[in-house]
Amino acid sequence: MLVGLSDVFHLPQLTVALSLTWSREHALWTPQPWSCVMFSEESRFSLQSDSRRTLIWRAPGTRYHQESIVERHR
């Protein structure tokens, strides 16, 4: 059974069609133009810390553990 990209990643059909069109348009690119491309996997990112958000990584299940909480006043 052949599984489509939208079945594996649960992508809308329009997204799959646009991705396929884009990949066909860039299929013959050489390493030079590809060296100017940055793939982000559609995640939000910034090359500078301009979001003023504090990002926190915790182990699963430790969200409200007291030892994970530090109060700060700005």
PDB file of N, CA and C in Angstrom:
ATOM      1  N   MET A   1       0.837  -1.183   0.000  1.00  0.00           N
ATOM      2  CA  MET A   1       0.000   0.000   0.000  1.00  0.00           C
ATOM      3  C   MET A   1       0.885   1.251   0.000  1.00  0.00           C
ATOM      4  N   LEU A   2       0.624   2.152  -0.897  1.00  0.00           N
ATOM      5  CA  LEU A   2       1.376   3.394  -1.006  1.00  0.00           C
ATOM      6  C   LEU A   2       0.761   4.445  -0.090  1.00  0.00           C
ATOM      7  N   VAL A   3       1.597   5.010   0.796  1.00  0.00           N
ATOM      8  CA  VAL A   3       1.121   6.019   1.733  1.00  0.00           C
ATOM      9  C   VAL A   3       1.592   7.377   1.257  1.00  0.00           C
ATOM     10  N   GLY A   4       0.687   8.341   1.191  1.00  0.00           N
ATOM     11  CA  GLY A   4       1.026   9.684   0.736  1.00  0.00           C
ATOM     12  C   GLY A   4       1.602  10.531   1.858  1.00  0.00           C
ATOM     13  N   LEU A   5       2.273  11.605   1.479  1.00  0.00           N
ATOM     14  CA  LEU A   5       2.869  12.525   2.436  1.00  0.00           C
ATOM     15  C   LEU A   5       1.831  13.086   3.400  1.00  0.00           C
ATOM     16  N   SER A   6       0.649  13.418   2.881  1.00  0.00           N
ATOM     17  CA  SER A   6      -0.390  13.994   3.741  1.00  0.00           C
ATOM     18  C   SER A   6      -0.919  12.969   4.744  1.00  0.00           C
ATOM     19  N   ASP A   7      -0.817  11.677   4.421  1.00  0.00           N
ATOM     20  CA  ASP A   7      -1.260  10.641   5.351  1.00  0.00           C
ATOM     21  C   ASP A   7      -0.281  10.479   6.507  1.00  0.00           C
ATOM     22  N   VAL A   8       0.990  10.599   6.230  1.00  0.00           N
ATOM     23  CA  VAL A   8       2.015  10.419   7.256  1.00  0.00           C
ATOM     24  C   VAL A   8       2.075  11.620   8.186  1.00  0.00           C
ATOM     25  N   PHE A   9       2.042  12.828   7.639  1.00  0.00           N
ATOM     26  CA  PHE A   9       2.213  14.036   8.434  1.00  0.00           C
ATOM     27  C   PHE A   9       0.910  14.793   8.676  1.00  0.00           C
ATOM     28  N   HIS A  10      -0.217  14.275   8.219  1.00  0.00           N
ATOM     29  CA  HIS A  10      -1.519  14.907   8.395  1.00  0.00           C
ATOM     30  C   HIS A  10      -1.520  16.345   7.869  1.00  0.00           C
ATOM     31  N   LEU A  11      -1.022  16.511   6.654  1.00  0.00           N
ATOM     32  CA  LEU A  11      -0.957  17.831   6.024  1.00  0.00           C
ATOM     33  C   LEU A  11      -2.180  18.044   5.139  1.00  0.00           C
ATOM     34  N   PRO A  12      -2.664  19.277   5.081  1.00  0.00           N
ATOM     35  CA  PRO A  12      -3.770  19.567   4.156  1.00  0.00           C
ATOM     36  C   PRO A  12      -3.321  19.350   2.710  1.00  0.00           C
ATOM     37  N   GLN A  13      -4.246  18.980   1.849  1.00  0.00           N
ATOM     38  CA  GLN A  13      -3.919  18.704   0.452  1.00  0.00           C
ATOM     39  C   GLN A  13      -3.289  19.910  -0.234  1.00  0.00           C
ATOM     40  N   LEU A  14      -3.729  21.127   0.093  1.00  0.00           N
ATOM     41  CA  LEU A  14      -3.145  22.319  -0.518  1.00  0.00           C
ATOM     42  C   LEU A  14      -1.672  22.446  -0.140  1.00  0.00           C
ATOM     43  N   THR A  15      -1.338  22.178   1.113  1.00  0.00           N
ATOM     44  CA  THR A  15       0.054  22.239   1.562  1.00  0.00           C
ATOM     45  C   THR A  15       0.904  21.230   0.811  1.00  0.00           C
ATOM     46  N   VAL A  16       0.390  20.036   0.632  1.00  0.00           N
ATOM     47  CA  VAL A  16       1.114  18.999  -0.106  1.00  0.00           C
ATOM     48  C   VAL A  16       1.320  19.429  -1.554  1.00  0.00           C
ATOM     49  N   ALA A  17       0.283  19.974  -2.174  1.00  0.00           N
ATOM     50  CA  ALA A  17       0.388  20.403  -3.567  1.00  0.00           C
ATOM     51  C   ALA A  17       1.397  21.540  -3.722  1.00  0.00           C
ATOM     52  N   LEU A  18       1.359  22.514  -2.823  1.00  0.00           N
ATOM     53  CA  LEU A  18       2.309  23.625  -2.887  1.00  0.00           C
ATOM     54  C   LEU A  18       3.740  23.148  -2.649  1.00  0.00           C
ATOM     55  N   SER A  19       3.914  22.222  -1.712  1.00  0.00           N
ATOM     56  CA  SER A  19       5.252  21.683  -1.442  1.00  0.00           C
ATOM     57  C   SER A  19       5.792  20.928  -2.645  1.00  0.00           C
ATOM     58  N   LEU A  20       4.947  20.150  -3.291  1.00  0.00           N
ATOM     59  CA  LEU A  20       5.356  19.397  -4.470  1.00  0.00           C
ATOM     60  C   LEU A  20       5.732  20.339  -5.615  1.00  0.00           C
ATOM     61  N   THR A  21       4.936  21.381  -5.820  1.00  0.00           N
ATOM     62  CA  THR A  21       5.247  22.367  -6.861  1.00  0.00           C
ATOM     63  C   THR A  21       6.578  23.038  -6.579  1.00  0.00           C
ATOM     64  N   TRP A  22       6.785  23.452  -5.323  1.00  0.00           N
ATOM     65  CA  TRP A  22       8.028  24.116  -4.939  1.00  0.00           C
ATOM     66  C   TRP A  22       9.227  23.193  -5.163  1.00  0.00           C
ATOM     67  N   SER A  23       9.098  21.930  -4.762  1.00  0.00           N
ATOM     68  CA  SER A  23      10.218  20.999  -4.908  1.00  0.00           C
ATOM     69  C   SER A  23      10.545  20.732  -6.376  1.00  0.00           C
ATOM     70  N   ARG A  24       9.526  20.679  -7.231  1.00  0.00           N
ATOM     71  CA  ARG A  24       9.777  20.479  -8.661  1.00  0.00           C
ATOM     72  C   ARG A  24      10.472  21.688  -9.277  1.00  0.00           C
ATOM     73  N   GLU A  25      10.110  22.895  -8.815  1.00  0.00           N
ATOM     74  CA  GLU A  25      10.741  24.115  -9.341  1.00  0.00           C
ATOM     75  C   GLU A  25      12.206  24.219  -8.927  1.00  0.00           C
ATOM     76  N   HIS A  26      12.576  23.588  -7.828  1.00  0.00           N
ATOM     77  CA  HIS A  26      13.938  23.706  -7.299  1.00  0.00           C
ATOM     78  C   HIS A  26      14.749  22.415  -7.440  1.00  0.00           C
ATOM     79  N   ALA A  27      14.240  21.468  -8.199  1.00  0.00           N
ATOM     80  CA  ALA A  27      14.887  20.161  -8.320  1.00  0.00           C
ATOM     81  C   ALA A  27      16.279  20.224  -8.940  1.00  0.00           C
ATOM     82  N   LEU A  28      16.529  21.177  -9.798  1.00  0.00           N
ATOM     83  CA  LEU A  28      17.810  21.251 -10.500  1.00  0.00           C
ATOM     84  C   LEU A  28      18.779  22.274  -9.909  1.00  0.00           C
ATOM     85  N   TRP A  29      18.464  22.777  -8.728  1.00  0.00           N
ATOM     86  CA  TRP A  29      19.374  23.730  -8.078  1.00  0.00           C
ATOM     87  C   TRP A  29      20.712  23.074  -7.778  1.00  0.00           C
ATOM     88  N   THR A  30      21.766  23.845  -7.869  1.00  0.00           N
ATOM     89  CA  THR A  30      23.109  23.374  -7.511  1.00  0.00           C
ATOM     90  C   THR A  30      23.362  23.701  -6.036  1.00  0.00           C
ATOM     91  N   PRO A  31      24.470  23.218  -5.471  1.00  0.00           N
ATOM     92  CA  PRO A  31      24.771  23.526  -4.056  1.00  0.00           C
ATOM     93  C   PRO A  31      24.872  25.021  -3.752  1.00  0.00           C
ATOM     94  N   GLN A  32      25.270  25.838  -4.729  1.00  0.00           N
ATOM     95  CA  GLN A  32      25.416  27.280  -4.477  1.00  0.00           C
ATOM     96  C   GLN A  32      24.104  27.928  -4.028  1.00  0.00           C
ATOM     97  N   PRO A  33      23.014  27.831  -4.781  1.00  0.00           N
ATOM     98  CA  PRO A  33      21.781  28.461  -4.296  1.00  0.00           C
ATOM     99  C   PRO A  33      21.246  27.799  -3.023  1.00  0.00           C
ATOM    100  N   TRP A  34      21.447  26.481  -2.875  1.00  0.00           N
ATOM    101  CA  TRP A  34      20.965  25.803  -1.665  1.00  0.00           C
ATOM    102  C   TRP A  34      21.719  26.274  -0.420  1.00  0.00           C
ATOM    103  N   SER A  35      22.938  26.774  -0.597  1.00  0.00           N
ATOM    104  CA  SER A  35      23.699  27.230   0.564  1.00  0.00           C
ATOM    105  C   SER A  35      23.094  28.496   1.172  1.00  0.00           C
ATOM    106  N   CYS A  36      22.181  29.133   0.477  1.00  0.00           N
ATOM    107  CA  CYS A  36      21.523  30.347   0.984  1.00  0.00           C
ATOM    108  C   CYS A  36      20.157  30.051   1.600  1.00  0.00           C
ATOM    109  N   VAL A  37      19.785  28.792   1.701  1.00  0.00           N
ATOM    110  CA  VAL A  37      18.462  28.413   2.190  1.00  0.00           C
ATOM    111  C   VAL A  37      18.562  27.908   3.624  1.00  0.00           C
ATOM    112  N   MET A  38      17.623  28.347   4.465  1.00  0.00           N
ATOM    113  CA  MET A  38      17.540  27.848   5.833  1.00  0.00           C
ATOM    114  C   MET A  38      16.164  27.207   6.010  1.00  0.00           C
ATOM    115  N   PHE A  39      16.157  25.956   6.391  1.00  0.00           N
ATOM    116  CA  PHE A  39      14.901  25.259   6.618  1.00  0.00           C
ATOM    117  C   PHE A  39      14.528  25.386   8.085  1.00  0.00           C
ATOM    118  N   SER A  40      13.291  25.772   8.345  1.00  0.00           N
ATOM    119  CA  SER A  40      12.858  25.996   9.724  1.00  0.00           C
ATOM    120  C   SER A  40      11.833  24.981  10.196  1.00  0.00           C
ATOM    121  N   GLU A  41      11.379  24.095   9.346  1.00  0.00           N
ATOM    122  CA  GLU A  41      10.334  23.132   9.667  1.00  0.00           C
ATOM    123  C   GLU A  41       9.091  23.830  10.201  1.00  0.00           C
ATOM    124  N   GLU A  42       8.847  25.034   9.711  1.00  0.00           N
ATOM    125  CA  GLU A  42       7.692  25.835  10.068  1.00  0.00           C
ATOM    126  C   GLU A  42       7.621  26.182  11.542  1.00  0.00           C
ATOM    127  N   SER A  43       8.732  26.104  12.250  1.00  0.00           N
ATOM    128  CA  SER A  43       8.774  26.513  13.643  1.00  0.00           C
ATOM    129  C   SER A  43       9.140  27.985  13.732  1.00  0.00           C
ATOM    130  N   ARG A  44       8.649  28.644  14.744  1.00  0.00           N
ATOM    131  CA  ARG A  44       8.997  30.057  14.936  1.00  0.00           C
ATOM    132  C   ARG A  44      10.420  30.127  15.468  1.00  0.00           C
ATOM    133  N   PHE A  45      11.236  30.952  14.858  1.00  0.00           N
ATOM    134  CA  PHE A  45      12.594  31.135  15.337  1.00  0.00           C
ATOM    135  C   PHE A  45      13.046  32.543  15.014  1.00  0.00           C
ATOM    136  N   SER A  46      14.081  32.956  15.689  1.00  0.00           N
ATOM    137  CA  SER A  46      14.630  34.282  15.474  1.00  0.00           C
ATOM    138  C   SER A  46      16.137  34.197  15.582  1.00  0.00           C
ATOM    139  N   LEU A  47      16.834  34.899  14.715  1.00  0.00           N
ATOM    140  CA  LEU A  47      18.285  34.931  14.788  1.00  0.00           C
ATOM    141  C   LEU A  47      18.757  35.889  15.876  1.00  0.00           C
ATOM    142  N   GLN A  48      17.848  36.710  16.361  1.00  0.00           N
ATOM    143  CA  GLN A  48      18.131  37.617  17.460  1.00  0.00           C
ATOM    144  C   GLN A  48      17.066  37.415  18.528  1.00  0.00           C
ATOM    145  N   SER A  49      17.407  37.708  19.760  1.00  0.00           N
ATOM    146  CA  SER A  49      16.430  37.507  20.830  1.00  0.00           C
ATOM    147  C   SER A  49      15.546  38.749  20.959  1.00  0.00           C
ATOM    148  N   ASP A  50      14.602  38.890  20.034  1.00  0.00           N
ATOM    149  CA  ASP A  50      13.733  40.055  20.037  1.00  0.00           C
ATOM    150  C   ASP A  50      12.316  39.735  20.505  1.00  0.00           C
ATOM    151  N   SER A  51      12.053  38.495  20.858  1.00  0.00           N
ATOM    152  CA  SER A  51      10.692  38.126  21.229  1.00  0.00           C
ATOM    153  C   SER A  51      10.367  38.460  22.682  1.00  0.00           C
ATOM    154  N   ARG A  52      11.379  38.704  23.511  1.00  0.00           N
ATOM    155  CA  ARG A  52      11.208  39.033  24.932  1.00  0.00           C
ATOM    156  C   ARG A  52      10.465  37.959  25.698  1.00  0.00           C
ATOM    157  N   ARG A  53      10.456  36.753  25.169  1.00  0.00           N
ATOM    158  CA  ARG A  53       9.826  35.635  25.868  1.00  0.00           C
ATOM    159  C   ARG A  53      10.903  34.817  26.562  1.00  0.00           C
ATOM    160  N   THR A  54      10.543  34.221  27.668  1.00  0.00           N
ATOM    161  CA  THR A  54      11.438  33.313  28.364  1.00  0.00           C
ATOM    162  C   THR A  54      11.013  31.899  28.009  1.00  0.00           C
ATOM    163  N   LEU A  55      11.919  31.139  27.414  1.00  0.00           N
ATOM    164  CA  LEU A  55      11.616  29.765  27.033  1.00  0.00           C
ATOM    165  C   LEU A  55      12.109  28.827  28.126  1.00  0.00           C
ATOM    166  N   ILE A  56      11.295  27.854  28.472  1.00  0.00           N
ATOM    167  CA  ILE A  56      11.619  26.935  29.551  1.00  0.00           C
ATOM    168  C   ILE A  56      11.445  25.507  29.049  1.00  0.00           C
ATOM    169  N   TRP A  57      12.448  24.683  29.278  1.00  0.00           N
ATOM    170  CA  TRP A  57      12.370  23.266  28.945  1.00  0.00           C
ATOM    171  C   TRP A  57      12.336  22.481  30.240  1.00  0.00           C
ATOM    172  N   ARG A  58      11.349  21.633  30.393  1.00  0.00           N
ATOM    173  CA  ARG A  58      11.211  20.799  31.591  1.00  0.00           C
ATOM    174  C   ARG A  58      11.034  19.348  31.160  1.00  0.00           C
ATOM    175  N   ALA A  59      11.341  18.474  32.084  1.00  0.00           N
ATOM    176  CA  ALA A  59      11.093  17.047  31.842  1.00  0.00           C
ATOM    177  C   ALA A  59       9.576  16.823  31.831  1.00  0.00           C
ATOM    178  N   PRO A  60       9.100  15.865  31.061  1.00  0.00           N
ATOM    179  CA  PRO A  60       7.661  15.586  31.036  1.00  0.00           C
ATOM    180  C   PRO A  60       7.130  15.310  32.444  1.00  0.00           C
ATOM    181  N   GLY A  61       5.974  15.885  32.748  1.00  0.00           N
ATOM    182  CA  GLY A  61       5.336  15.653  34.033  1.00  0.00           C
ATOM    183  C   GLY A  61       5.831  16.532  35.168  1.00  0.00           C
ATOM    184  N   THR A  62       6.695  17.509  34.897  1.00  0.00           N
ATOM    185  CA  THR A  62       7.247  18.349  35.973  1.00  0.00           C
ATOM    186  C   THR A  62       6.779  19.798  35.879  1.00  0.00           C
ATOM    187  N   ARG A  63       5.711  20.055  35.165  1.00  0.00           N
ATOM    188  CA  ARG A  63       5.279  21.427  34.888  1.00  0.00           C
ATOM    189  C   ARG A  63       5.066  22.264  36.147  1.00  0.00           C
ATOM    190  N   TYR A  64       4.380  21.733  37.137  1.00  0.00           N
ATOM    191  CA  TYR A  64       4.065  22.521  38.326  1.00  0.00           C
ATOM    192  C   TYR A  64       4.853  22.089  39.560  1.00  0.00           C
ATOM    193  N   HIS A  65       5.936  21.380  39.392  1.00  0.00           N
ATOM    194  CA  HIS A  65       6.764  21.002  40.536  1.00  0.00           C
ATOM    195  C   HIS A  65       7.411  22.254  41.127  1.00  0.00           C
ATOM    196  N   GLN A  66       7.362  22.370  42.439  1.00  0.00           N
ATOM    197  CA  GLN A  66       7.849  23.577  43.113  1.00  0.00           C
ATOM    198  C   GLN A  66       9.324  23.853  42.804  1.00  0.00           C
ATOM    199  N   GLU A  67      10.145  22.818  42.702  1.00  0.00           N
ATOM    200  CA  GLU A  67      11.578  23.033  42.424  1.00  0.00           C
ATOM    201  C   GLU A  67      11.818  23.580  41.007  1.00  0.00           C
ATOM    202  N   SER A  68      10.795  23.545  40.163  1.00  0.00           N
ATOM    203  CA  SER A  68      10.932  24.071  38.801  1.00  0.00           C
ATOM    204  C   SER A  68      10.514  25.533  38.712  1.00  0.00           C
ATOM    205  N   ILE A  69       9.989  26.091  39.804  1.00  0.00           N
ATOM    206  CA  ILE A  69       9.434  27.440  39.769  1.00  0.00           C
ATOM    207  C   ILE A  69      10.364  28.409  40.504  1.00  0.00           C
ATOM    208  N   VAL A  70      10.725  29.495  39.824  1.00  0.00           N
ATOM    209  CA  VAL A  70      11.525  30.559  40.420  1.00  0.00           C
ATOM    210  C   VAL A  70      10.782  31.867  40.136  1.00  0.00           C
ATOM    211  N   GLU A  71      10.397  32.576  41.193  1.00  0.00           N
ATOM    212  CA  GLU A  71       9.702  33.833  41.008  1.00  0.00           C
ATOM    213  C   GLU A  71      10.705  34.951  40.770  1.00  0.00           C
ATOM    214  N   ARG A  72      10.405  35.779  39.800  1.00  0.00           N
ATOM    215  CA  ARG A  72      11.258  36.936  39.491  1.00  0.00           C
ATOM    216  C   ARG A  72      10.353  38.142  39.273  1.00  0.00           C
ATOM    217  N   HIS A  73      10.801  39.268  39.749  1.00  0.00           N
ATOM    218  CA  HIS A  73      10.050  40.513  39.554  1.00  0.00           C
ATOM    219  C   HIS A  73      10.838  41.384  38.595  1.00  0.00           C
ATOM    220  N   ARG A  74      10.170  41.874  37.578  1.00  0.00           N
ATOM    221  CA  ARG A  74      10.853  42.699  36.574  1.00  0.00           C
ATOM    222  C   ARG A  74      10.586  44.160  36.816  1.00  0.00           C
TER     223      ARG A  74
END
